[in-house]
Amino acid sequence: MTVEGEGCDFRLTVISDQFAAMRPVQRQQMIYSRINPFITNGAIHAVSMVLLTKAERAGQLDK
């Protein structure tokens, strides 16, 4: 996982095979469930996500 950003705006890149059987919205829900306390308390205001399996990431690198 990588996290980029400053202030309250972040970009998350998570590579995990746990995403293999999930639709994109399910992947986002999984991550939001873990970061929701930080959104609720204002530590995170905006977040963008790239959520891929290892195979999907490898396919991006081949291009």
N, C-alpha and C. Protein backbone atom coordinates (compact mmCIF):
# COMPACT_ATOMS: atom_id res chain seq x y z
N MET A 1 0.85 -1.16 0.00
CA MET A 1 0.00 0.00 0.00
C MET A 1 0.89 1.22 0.00
N THR A 2 0.51 2.20 -0.79
CA THR A 2 1.17 3.49 -0.72
C THR A 2 0.12 4.55 -0.43
N VAL A 3 0.53 5.55 0.28
CA VAL A 3 -0.35 6.67 0.61
C VAL A 3 0.38 7.94 0.24
N GLU A 4 -0.25 8.74 -0.57
CA GLU A 4 0.31 10.03 -0.97
C GLU A 4 -0.69 11.10 -0.60
N GLY A 5 -0.18 12.27 -0.28
CA GLY A 5 -1.08 13.37 -0.02
C GLY A 5 -0.54 14.28 1.06
N GLU A 6 -1.27 15.35 1.26
CA GLU A 6 -0.91 16.30 2.31
C GLU A 6 -2.19 16.93 2.83
N GLY A 7 -2.09 17.48 3.99
CA GLY A 7 -3.28 18.06 4.59
C GLY A 7 -4.31 16.97 4.81
N CYS A 8 -5.48 17.14 4.21
CA CYS A 8 -6.56 16.18 4.38
C CYS A 8 -6.91 15.45 3.08
N ASP A 9 -6.10 15.62 2.03
CA ASP A 9 -6.36 15.01 0.74
C ASP A 9 -5.33 13.92 0.46
N PHE A 10 -5.83 12.70 0.18
CA PHE A 10 -4.94 11.56 0.05
C PHE A 10 -5.26 10.73 -1.17
N ARG A 11 -4.24 10.02 -1.66
CA ARG A 11 -4.38 9.04 -2.73
C ARG A 11 -3.83 7.72 -2.20
N LEU A 12 -4.68 6.70 -2.20
CA LEU A 12 -4.29 5.38 -1.74
C LEU A 12 -4.10 4.45 -2.93
N THR A 13 -3.02 3.72 -2.92
CA THR A 13 -2.81 2.65 -3.89
C THR A 13 -2.64 1.38 -3.08
N VAL A 14 -3.55 0.43 -3.28
CA VAL A 14 -3.51 -0.82 -2.53
C VAL A 14 -3.50 -1.97 -3.53
N ILE A 15 -2.51 -2.82 -3.41
CA ILE A 15 -2.39 -4.01 -4.25
C ILE A 15 -2.61 -5.22 -3.33
N SER A 16 -3.66 -5.99 -3.60
CA SER A 16 -3.97 -7.13 -2.74
C SER A 16 -4.79 -8.15 -3.51
N ASP A 17 -4.45 -9.41 -3.32
CA ASP A 17 -5.25 -10.47 -3.93
C ASP A 17 -6.58 -10.68 -3.22
N GLN A 18 -6.78 -10.02 -2.09
CA GLN A 18 -8.10 -10.05 -1.43
C GLN A 18 -9.16 -9.41 -2.31
N PHE A 19 -8.76 -8.60 -3.26
CA PHE A 19 -9.69 -7.92 -4.17
C PHE A 19 -10.15 -8.82 -5.31
N ALA A 20 -9.57 -10.01 -5.45
CA ALA A 20 -9.78 -10.85 -6.64
C ALA A 20 -11.24 -11.12 -6.97
N ALA A 21 -12.06 -11.42 -6.01
CA ALA A 21 -13.45 -11.77 -6.27
C ALA A 21 -14.40 -10.58 -6.08
N MET A 22 -13.85 -9.38 -5.93
CA MET A 22 -14.68 -8.22 -5.62
C MET A 22 -14.87 -7.30 -6.83
N ARG A 23 -16.07 -6.73 -6.90
CA ARG A 23 -16.33 -5.67 -7.88
C ARG A 23 -15.66 -4.40 -7.36
N PRO A 24 -15.42 -3.42 -8.23
CA PRO A 24 -14.75 -2.19 -7.79
C PRO A 24 -15.43 -1.52 -6.59
N VAL A 25 -16.75 -1.46 -6.57
CA VAL A 25 -17.42 -0.81 -5.45
C VAL A 25 -17.20 -1.59 -4.15
N GLN A 26 -17.12 -2.92 -4.21
CA GLN A 26 -16.85 -3.72 -3.01
C GLN A 26 -15.44 -3.45 -2.49
N ARG A 27 -14.50 -3.25 -3.40
CA ARG A 27 -13.13 -2.93 -3.01
C ARG A 27 -13.10 -1.61 -2.26
N GLN A 28 -13.81 -0.62 -2.80
CA GLN A 28 -13.87 0.69 -2.15
C GLN A 28 -14.53 0.59 -0.78
N GLN A 29 -15.60 -0.16 -0.69
CA GLN A 29 -16.29 -0.31 0.59
C GLN A 29 -15.37 -0.93 1.64
N MET A 30 -14.56 -1.89 1.22
CA MET A 30 -13.62 -2.52 2.14
C MET A 30 -12.64 -1.50 2.70
N ILE A 31 -12.10 -0.67 1.84
CA ILE A 31 -11.12 0.34 2.29
C ILE A 31 -11.80 1.43 3.11
N TYR A 32 -12.97 1.90 2.64
CA TYR A 32 -13.68 2.93 3.40
C TYR A 32 -14.03 2.44 4.80
N SER A 33 -14.33 1.17 4.97
CA SER A 33 -14.67 0.66 6.30
C SER A 33 -13.50 0.81 7.26
N ARG A 34 -12.29 0.81 6.72
CA ARG A 34 -11.10 0.93 7.57
C ARG A 34 -10.67 2.38 7.80
N ILE A 35 -10.98 3.25 6.85
CA ILE A 35 -10.55 4.64 7.02
C ILE A 35 -11.67 5.56 7.49
N ASN A 36 -12.89 5.03 7.62
CA ASN A 36 -14.02 5.86 8.01
C ASN A 36 -13.80 6.65 9.31
N PRO A 37 -13.16 6.09 10.35
CA PRO A 37 -12.93 6.90 11.55
C PRO A 37 -12.12 8.17 11.25
N PHE A 38 -11.20 8.10 10.30
CA PHE A 38 -10.39 9.26 9.96
C PHE A 38 -11.18 10.27 9.13
N ILE A 39 -12.13 9.79 8.35
CA ILE A 39 -13.02 10.69 7.60
C ILE A 39 -13.96 11.37 8.58
N THR A 40 -14.50 10.59 9.51
CA THR A 40 -15.45 11.12 10.48
C THR A 40 -14.83 12.21 11.36
N ASN A 41 -13.57 12.02 11.77
CA ASN A 41 -12.95 13.02 12.65
C ASN A 41 -12.28 14.16 11.89
N GLY A 42 -12.36 14.12 10.56
CA GLY A 42 -11.83 15.22 9.75
C GLY A 42 -10.37 15.10 9.36
N ALA A 43 -9.69 14.04 9.80
CA ALA A 43 -8.29 13.87 9.44
C ALA A 43 -8.13 13.64 7.94
N ILE A 44 -9.12 12.98 7.35
CA ILE A 44 -9.15 12.77 5.90
C ILE A 44 -10.39 13.46 5.37
N HIS A 45 -10.18 14.35 4.40
CA HIS A 45 -11.30 15.06 3.79
C HIS A 45 -11.64 14.45 2.44
N ALA A 46 -10.62 14.21 1.64
CA ALA A 46 -10.81 13.65 0.30
C ALA A 46 -9.80 12.53 0.08
N VAL A 47 -10.27 11.49 -0.58
CA VAL A 47 -9.39 10.35 -0.86
C VAL A 47 -9.71 9.81 -2.25
N SER A 48 -8.67 9.52 -3.00
CA SER A 48 -8.85 8.80 -4.25
C SER A 48 -8.12 7.47 -4.10
N MET A 49 -8.62 6.46 -4.80
CA MET A 49 -8.10 5.11 -4.58
C MET A 49 -7.80 4.41 -5.90
N VAL A 50 -6.71 3.67 -5.89
CA VAL A 50 -6.39 2.70 -6.92
C VAL A 50 -6.28 1.37 -6.20
N LEU A 51 -7.21 0.46 -6.49
CA LEU A 51 -7.32 -0.80 -5.77
C LEU A 51 -7.23 -1.94 -6.77
N LEU A 52 -6.12 -2.68 -6.74
CA LEU A 52 -5.85 -3.70 -7.75
C LEU A 52 -5.39 -5.00 -7.12
N THR A 53 -5.59 -6.10 -7.86
CA THR A 53 -4.95 -7.36 -7.48
C THR A 53 -3.52 -7.32 -7.99
N LYS A 54 -2.71 -8.28 -7.55
CA LYS A 54 -1.33 -8.34 -8.03
C LYS A 54 -1.29 -8.57 -9.53
N ALA A 55 -2.18 -9.41 -10.06
CA ALA A 55 -2.22 -9.67 -11.49
C ALA A 55 -2.62 -8.43 -12.28
N GLU A 56 -3.59 -7.68 -11.77
CA GLU A 56 -4.00 -6.44 -12.44
C GLU A 56 -2.86 -5.43 -12.47
N ARG A 57 -2.13 -5.34 -11.37
CA ARG A 57 -0.98 -4.43 -11.31
C ARG A 57 0.10 -4.87 -12.28
N ALA A 58 0.37 -6.15 -12.33
CA ALA A 58 1.39 -6.66 -13.25
C ALA A 58 1.00 -6.34 -14.69
N GLY A 59 -0.28 -6.45 -15.01
CA GLY A 59 -0.75 -6.11 -16.35
C GLY A 59 -0.53 -4.65 -16.69
N GLN A 60 -0.66 -3.77 -15.71
CA GLN A 60 -0.39 -2.34 -15.92
C GLN A 60 1.08 -2.10 -16.20
N LEU A 61 1.93 -2.83 -15.52
CA LEU A 61 3.38 -2.65 -15.68
C LEU A 61 3.86 -3.15 -17.03
N ASP A 62 3.14 -4.12 -17.60
CA ASP A 62 3.53 -4.68 -18.90
C ASP A 62 3.24 -3.72 -20.05
N LYS A 63 2.40 -2.74 -19.83
CA LYS A 63 1.99 -1.82 -20.91
C LYS A 63 3.03 -0.77 -21.14
